[in-house]
Amino acid sequence: MRAKVKYAIFVKEDILESVNWYNCAQKGLGVRFLKEVKEKINYIAENPEAIQVRYQDVQIAVAKTFPYTIHFRFLKDENTIWILGVFHSAINPDKWLKRL
């Protein structure tokens, strides 16, 4: 059964910042980035246990084309996914570790 998806407070800001950056780099690229992130989040919601836990109780899904990772927690008893962040793979890990 598909899990509910909830977002931590900074996630939409993370995504919007990346969309804007990609749109400045090339027209329409931000839209492609956003579509890919949405598709990956849909996959996570449909298959929350298919992605291995990477640290503590946080799972990390990797985007197909863009160098981004989606960090999330799956609360099995609530059937809920909490998206903690959408981060560029080269970002300092301290940034996303602070969100735990």
Protein backbone atom coordinates (compact mmCIF):
# COMPACT_ATOMS: atom_id res chain seq x y z
CA MET A 1 0.00 0.00 0.00
CA ARG A 2 1.25 3.45 -0.90
CA ALA A 3 2.70 5.38 2.04
CA LYS A 4 1.66 8.93 2.86
CA VAL A 5 4.37 11.48 2.10
CA LYS A 6 5.19 14.36 4.41
CA TYR A 7 7.95 16.92 4.05
CA ALA A 8 10.28 18.45 6.61
CA ILE A 9 10.16 22.24 6.70
CA PHE A 10 13.22 22.93 4.50
CA VAL A 11 12.57 20.36 1.78
CA LYS A 12 10.48 22.52 -0.53
CA GLU A 13 13.12 25.25 -0.20
CA ASP A 14 15.85 22.71 -1.10
CA ILE A 15 13.94 21.67 -4.20
CA LEU A 16 13.01 25.20 -5.30
CA GLU A 17 16.61 26.36 -4.92
CA SER A 18 17.79 23.53 -7.15
CA VAL A 19 15.02 24.09 -9.71
CA ASN A 20 16.00 27.76 -9.97
CA TRP A 21 19.68 26.91 -10.32
CA TYR A 22 19.01 24.42 -13.12
CA ASN A 23 16.64 26.83 -14.90
CA CYS A 24 19.37 29.49 -14.85
CA ALA A 25 21.86 26.98 -16.24
CA GLN A 26 19.56 25.87 -19.08
CA LYS A 27 15.97 26.71 -19.90
CA GLY A 28 13.66 23.85 -18.94
CA LEU A 29 16.29 21.92 -17.01
CA GLY A 30 14.71 22.85 -13.68
CA VAL A 31 11.41 21.37 -14.85
CA ARG A 32 13.19 18.12 -15.75
CA PHE A 33 14.87 18.09 -12.34
CA LEU A 34 11.55 18.63 -10.54
CA LYS A 35 9.88 15.88 -12.58
CA GLU A 36 12.65 13.44 -11.70
CA VAL A 37 12.47 14.29 -7.98
CA LYS A 38 8.68 13.83 -7.99
CA GLU A 39 9.01 10.48 -9.79
CA LYS A 40 11.58 9.27 -7.25
CA ILE A 41 9.40 10.38 -4.32
CA ASN A 42 6.46 8.49 -5.89
CA TYR A 43 8.67 5.42 -6.18
CA ILE A 44 9.67 5.79 -2.51
CA ALA A 45 6.00 6.06 -1.48
CA GLU A 46 5.14 2.90 -3.42
CA ASN A 47 8.23 0.95 -2.30
CA PRO A 48 9.43 2.42 1.01
CA GLU A 49 11.21 -0.71 2.16
CA ALA A 50 13.04 -1.27 -1.14
CA ILE A 51 15.65 1.35 -0.27
CA GLN A 52 18.21 0.40 2.32
CA VAL A 53 18.75 2.28 5.56
CA ARG A 54 22.03 4.20 5.29
CA TYR A 55 22.50 5.78 8.72
CA GLN A 56 20.51 5.68 11.93
CA ASP A 57 16.97 5.14 10.58
CA VAL A 58 17.39 7.27 7.45
CA GLN A 59 17.12 5.88 3.95
CA ILE A 60 18.67 7.55 0.90
CA ALA A 61 17.25 7.30 -2.62
CA VAL A 62 19.44 8.38 -5.53
CA ALA A 63 18.07 10.37 -8.46
CA LYS A 64 18.56 8.78 -11.89
CA THR A 65 19.99 11.65 -13.92
CA PHE A 66 20.79 14.46 -11.53
CA PRO A 67 23.45 14.18 -8.79
CA TYR A 68 20.91 14.40 -5.96
CA THR A 69 19.85 12.20 -3.09
CA ILE A 70 16.54 12.12 -1.25
CA HIS A 71 16.89 11.46 2.48
CA PHE A 72 13.82 10.09 4.22
CA ARG A 73 12.47 8.09 7.12
CA PHE A 74 9.78 5.45 6.75
CA LEU A 75 7.48 5.23 9.76
CA LYS A 76 6.08 1.76 9.15
CA ASP A 77 3.45 1.84 11.91
CA GLU A 78 2.01 5.07 10.45
CA ASN A 79 2.66 4.08 6.81
CA THR A 80 4.26 7.50 6.35
CA ILE A 81 7.38 8.71 4.57
CA TRP A 82 9.07 11.81 6.02
CA ILE A 83 11.22 13.48 3.38
CA LEU A 84 14.09 15.10 5.31
CA GLY A 85 15.96 16.69 2.43
CA VAL A 86 16.86 16.70 -1.24
CA PHE A 87 20.60 17.27 -1.44
CA HIS A 88 23.26 17.55 -4.10
CA SER A 89 25.57 14.57 -3.75
CA ALA A 90 28.62 16.83 -3.33
CA ILE A 91 27.16 18.78 -0.39
CA ASN A 92 28.91 18.71 2.95
CA PRO A 93 27.29 15.90 4.98
CA ASP A 94 27.15 18.20 8.01
CA LYS A 95 24.30 20.09 6.32
CA TRP A 96 21.97 17.12 6.15
CA LEU A 97 23.15 15.53 9.39
CA LYS A 98 21.93 18.63 11.23
CA ARG A 99 18.38 17.86 10.11
CA LEU A 100 18.16 14.56 11.93
